[in-house]
N, C-alpha and C. Protein backbone atom coordinates (compact mmCIF):
# COMPACT_ATOMS: atom_id res chain seq x y z
N MET A 1 -0.72 -3.41 8.17
CA MET A 1 -0.38 -2.05 8.27
C MET A 1 1.21 -1.96 7.69
N SER A 2 1.37 -0.75 7.22
CA SER A 2 2.72 -0.50 6.75
C SER A 2 3.16 0.84 7.29
N ASP A 3 4.14 1.04 8.14
CA ASP A 3 4.27 2.38 8.80
C ASP A 3 3.02 2.80 9.55
N LYS A 4 2.48 3.95 9.09
CA LYS A 4 1.18 4.37 9.83
C LYS A 4 -0.07 4.37 8.75
N VAL A 5 0.14 3.41 7.77
CA VAL A 5 -1.01 3.27 6.88
C VAL A 5 -1.63 1.94 6.99
N VAL A 6 -2.96 1.99 7.31
CA VAL A 6 -3.69 0.66 7.37
C VAL A 6 -4.14 0.39 6.12
N ARG A 7 -3.92 -0.84 5.32
CA ARG A 7 -4.40 -1.11 4.06
C ARG A 7 -5.32 -2.33 4.29
N LEU A 8 -6.62 -1.77 3.72
CA LEU A 8 -7.75 -2.51 3.77
C LEU A 8 -7.99 -3.34 2.47
N TRP A 9 -7.44 -4.40 2.42
CA TRP A 9 -7.49 -5.27 1.14
C TRP A 9 -8.53 -6.46 1.58
N GLY A 10 -9.37 -7.08 0.53
CA GLY A 10 -10.07 -8.21 0.88
C GLY A 10 -11.15 -8.20 1.80
N ALA A 11 -12.23 -7.46 1.64
CA ALA A 11 -13.57 -7.63 2.39
C ALA A 11 -14.60 -7.72 1.41
N GLY A 12 -15.65 -8.39 1.89
CA GLY A 12 -16.63 -8.49 1.04
C GLY A 12 -18.00 -8.86 1.84
N THR A 13 -18.98 -8.85 1.21
CA THR A 13 -20.18 -9.28 2.03
C THR A 13 -20.95 -10.41 0.89
N HIS A 14 -21.39 -11.61 1.61
CA HIS A 14 -22.17 -12.54 0.78
C HIS A 14 -23.39 -11.84 0.19
N PRO A 15 -23.66 -12.24 -0.90
CA PRO A 15 -24.82 -11.58 -1.67
C PRO A 15 -26.24 -11.68 -0.75
N ALA A 16 -26.48 -12.77 -0.16
CA ALA A 16 -27.65 -12.86 0.64
C ALA A 16 -27.74 -11.78 1.82
N TYR A 17 -26.47 -11.11 2.17
CA TYR A 17 -26.62 -10.30 3.34
C TYR A 17 -26.26 -8.89 2.80
N ARG A 18 -26.23 -8.76 1.63
CA ARG A 18 -25.89 -7.25 1.27
C ARG A 18 -27.03 -6.50 1.66
N GLY A 19 -26.63 -5.12 1.77
CA GLY A 19 -27.83 -4.05 2.17
C GLY A 19 -28.05 -4.01 3.48
N ARG A 20 -27.19 -4.54 4.44
CA ARG A 20 -27.65 -4.64 5.77
C ARG A 20 -26.53 -3.78 6.60
N GLY A 21 -25.57 -3.10 5.90
CA GLY A 21 -24.41 -2.37 6.72
C GLY A 21 -23.30 -3.21 7.15
N GLY A 22 -23.05 -4.55 6.84
CA GLY A 22 -22.12 -5.32 7.09
C GLY A 22 -20.67 -4.90 6.60
N TYR A 23 -20.71 -4.41 5.40
CA TYR A 23 -19.24 -4.18 4.66
C TYR A 23 -19.04 -2.77 5.54
N ARG A 24 -19.79 -1.95 5.55
CA ARG A 24 -19.46 -0.57 6.39
C ARG A 24 -18.99 -0.99 7.79
N ALA A 25 -19.72 -1.74 8.30
CA ALA A 25 -19.26 -2.04 9.82
C ALA A 25 -18.13 -2.81 9.98
N ILE A 26 -17.70 -3.87 8.94
CA ILE A 26 -16.33 -4.30 9.24
C ILE A 26 -15.34 -3.50 8.73
N THR A 27 -15.41 -2.61 7.79
CA THR A 27 -14.60 -1.43 7.22
C THR A 27 -14.28 -0.46 8.59
N ILE A 28 -15.23 -0.04 9.32
CA ILE A 28 -15.10 0.64 10.45
C ILE A 28 -14.18 0.00 11.50
N ALA A 29 -14.62 -1.20 11.67
CA ALA A 29 -13.78 -1.99 12.86
C ALA A 29 -12.46 -2.08 12.41
N ARG A 30 -11.93 -2.39 11.06
CA ARG A 30 -10.69 -2.58 10.57
C ARG A 30 -9.86 -1.20 10.59
N MET A 31 -10.71 -0.10 10.40
CA MET A 31 -9.95 1.32 10.52
C MET A 31 -9.76 1.48 12.02
N ASN A 32 -10.65 1.19 12.95
CA ASN A 32 -10.51 1.50 14.33
C ASN A 32 -9.22 0.62 14.89
N GLU A 33 -9.11 -0.51 14.42
CA GLU A 33 -8.06 -1.40 14.81
C GLU A 33 -6.71 -0.72 14.27
N GLY A 34 -6.62 -0.50 13.07
CA GLY A 34 -5.69 0.34 12.50
C GLY A 34 -5.12 1.49 13.37
N HIS A 35 -6.15 2.30 13.64
CA HIS A 35 -6.07 3.52 14.35
C HIS A 35 -5.43 3.32 15.80
N HIS A 36 -5.75 2.16 16.18
CA HIS A 36 -5.51 1.88 17.57
C HIS A 36 -3.93 1.51 17.62
N ARG A 37 -3.52 0.82 16.52
CA ARG A 37 -2.21 0.36 16.15
C ARG A 37 -1.16 1.68 15.82
N GLY A 38 -1.74 2.81 15.53
CA GLY A 38 -0.99 3.93 15.40
C GLY A 38 -1.17 4.44 13.70
N ALA A 39 -2.09 3.85 13.02
CA ALA A 39 -2.36 4.32 11.83
C ALA A 39 -2.90 5.58 11.58
N THR A 40 -2.53 6.42 10.61
CA THR A 40 -3.19 7.81 10.58
C THR A 40 -3.66 8.06 9.07
N ILE A 41 -3.50 6.99 8.32
CA ILE A 41 -4.23 6.94 6.98
C ILE A 41 -4.73 5.49 6.70
N ALA A 42 -5.77 5.46 5.96
CA ALA A 42 -6.54 4.14 5.59
C ALA A 42 -6.58 4.28 4.10
N ILE A 43 -6.02 3.14 3.48
CA ILE A 43 -6.33 2.87 2.01
C ILE A 43 -6.85 1.73 1.77
N VAL A 44 -8.09 1.70 0.87
CA VAL A 44 -8.88 0.60 0.56
C VAL A 44 -8.62 0.20 -0.86
N ASN A 45 -8.41 -0.95 -1.33
CA ASN A 45 -8.50 -1.50 -2.55
C ASN A 45 -9.79 -2.21 -2.66
N ALA A 46 -10.61 -1.63 -3.69
CA ALA A 46 -12.07 -2.01 -3.56
C ALA A 46 -12.64 -1.72 -5.14
N ARG A 47 -13.68 -2.35 -5.40
CA ARG A 47 -14.37 -2.39 -6.62
C ARG A 47 -15.42 -1.22 -6.54
N THR A 48 -15.20 -0.47 -7.68
CA THR A 48 -15.92 0.98 -7.72
C THR A 48 -17.44 0.64 -7.93
N GLY A 49 -17.86 -0.40 -8.34
CA GLY A 49 -19.13 -0.66 -8.58
C GLY A 49 -19.96 -1.15 -7.39
N THR A 50 -19.28 -1.76 -6.53
CA THR A 50 -19.91 -2.41 -5.34
C THR A 50 -19.52 -1.67 -4.13
N SER A 51 -18.30 -1.56 -3.58
CA SER A 51 -17.92 -1.10 -2.47
C SER A 51 -17.63 0.50 -2.65
N GLY A 52 -17.37 0.88 -3.64
CA GLY A 52 -17.16 2.44 -4.03
C GLY A 52 -18.31 3.21 -3.37
N PRO A 53 -19.40 3.19 -3.75
CA PRO A 53 -20.35 4.07 -3.27
C PRO A 53 -20.47 4.11 -1.53
N ILE A 54 -20.20 2.89 -1.16
CA ILE A 54 -20.21 2.87 0.41
C ILE A 54 -19.05 3.57 0.97
N LEU A 55 -17.69 3.28 0.35
CA LEU A 55 -16.64 3.84 0.95
C LEU A 55 -16.66 5.55 0.49
N LYS A 56 -17.36 5.98 -0.46
CA LYS A 56 -17.40 7.46 -0.81
C LYS A 56 -18.19 7.92 0.32
N ARG A 57 -19.44 7.30 0.69
CA ARG A 57 -20.25 7.81 1.70
C ARG A 57 -19.53 7.77 3.17
N MET A 58 -18.58 7.16 3.25
CA MET A 58 -17.71 7.21 4.51
C MET A 58 -16.58 8.06 4.44
N GLY A 59 -16.38 8.84 3.20
CA GLY A 59 -15.33 10.02 3.33
C GLY A 59 -14.16 9.45 2.54
N PHE A 60 -13.92 8.12 1.95
CA PHE A 60 -12.87 7.98 0.94
C PHE A 60 -13.22 8.71 -0.34
N ARG A 61 -12.01 8.81 -0.97
CA ARG A 61 -12.00 9.41 -2.35
C ARG A 61 -11.20 8.57 -3.24
N LEU A 62 -11.61 8.38 -4.56
CA LEU A 62 -10.91 7.50 -5.42
C LEU A 62 -9.60 8.47 -5.90
N VAL A 63 -8.55 7.52 -5.75
CA VAL A 63 -7.17 8.12 -6.14
C VAL A 63 -6.47 7.43 -7.35
N SER A 64 -7.16 6.52 -7.60
CA SER A 64 -6.58 5.69 -8.87
C SER A 64 -7.31 4.43 -9.05
N LEU A 65 -7.30 3.90 -10.34
CA LEU A 65 -7.90 2.72 -10.89
C LEU A 65 -7.00 1.69 -11.29
N THR A 66 -7.28 0.40 -11.17
CA THR A 66 -6.41 -0.76 -11.53
C THR A 66 -7.14 -1.66 -12.44
N LYS A 67 -6.53 -2.27 -13.10
CA LYS A 67 -7.36 -3.25 -14.20
C LYS A 67 -6.80 -4.55 -13.38
N GLU A 68 -7.79 -5.55 -13.60
CA GLU A 68 -7.47 -6.89 -13.11
C GLU A 68 -7.37 -7.86 -14.47
N TYR A 69 -6.42 -8.64 -14.21
CA TYR A 69 -6.18 -9.49 -15.47
C TYR A 69 -6.48 -11.21 -14.82
N GLU A 70 -6.90 -11.93 -15.76
CA GLU A 70 -7.09 -13.42 -15.25
C GLU A 70 -6.30 -14.06 -16.45
N LEU A 71 -5.59 -15.15 -15.81
CA LEU A 71 -4.85 -16.18 -16.67
C LEU A 71 -5.72 -17.42 -16.53
N ARG A 72 -6.46 -17.71 -17.81
CA ARG A 72 -7.33 -18.86 -17.59
C ARG A 72 -6.57 -20.13 -17.93
N THR A 73 -5.68 -20.18 -18.68
CA THR A 73 -4.89 -21.46 -18.95
C THR A 73 -3.49 -21.24 -19.00
N LEU A 74 -2.57 -22.07 -18.81
CA LEU A 74 -1.20 -22.13 -18.85
C LEU A 74 -0.82 -23.13 -19.91
N ARG A 75 0.06 -22.66 -20.88
CA ARG A 75 0.42 -23.48 -22.17
C ARG A 75 1.71 -23.80 -21.90
């Protein structure tokens, strides 16, 4: 948390357990904990292709996109 914002970074579901509501349940639990601690806003950093549809159904809206970069080797 930062001030009254709960930041939900780093959740996921093992492929063998997808489609059973686990990601939604853990997101709700984390938001409830944030609310209990005084949060009034929730921000999620998520992948648009996997978590995006779930979060949209939960009432989140897309506000920005980011790019991921990977450094494969150091020279």
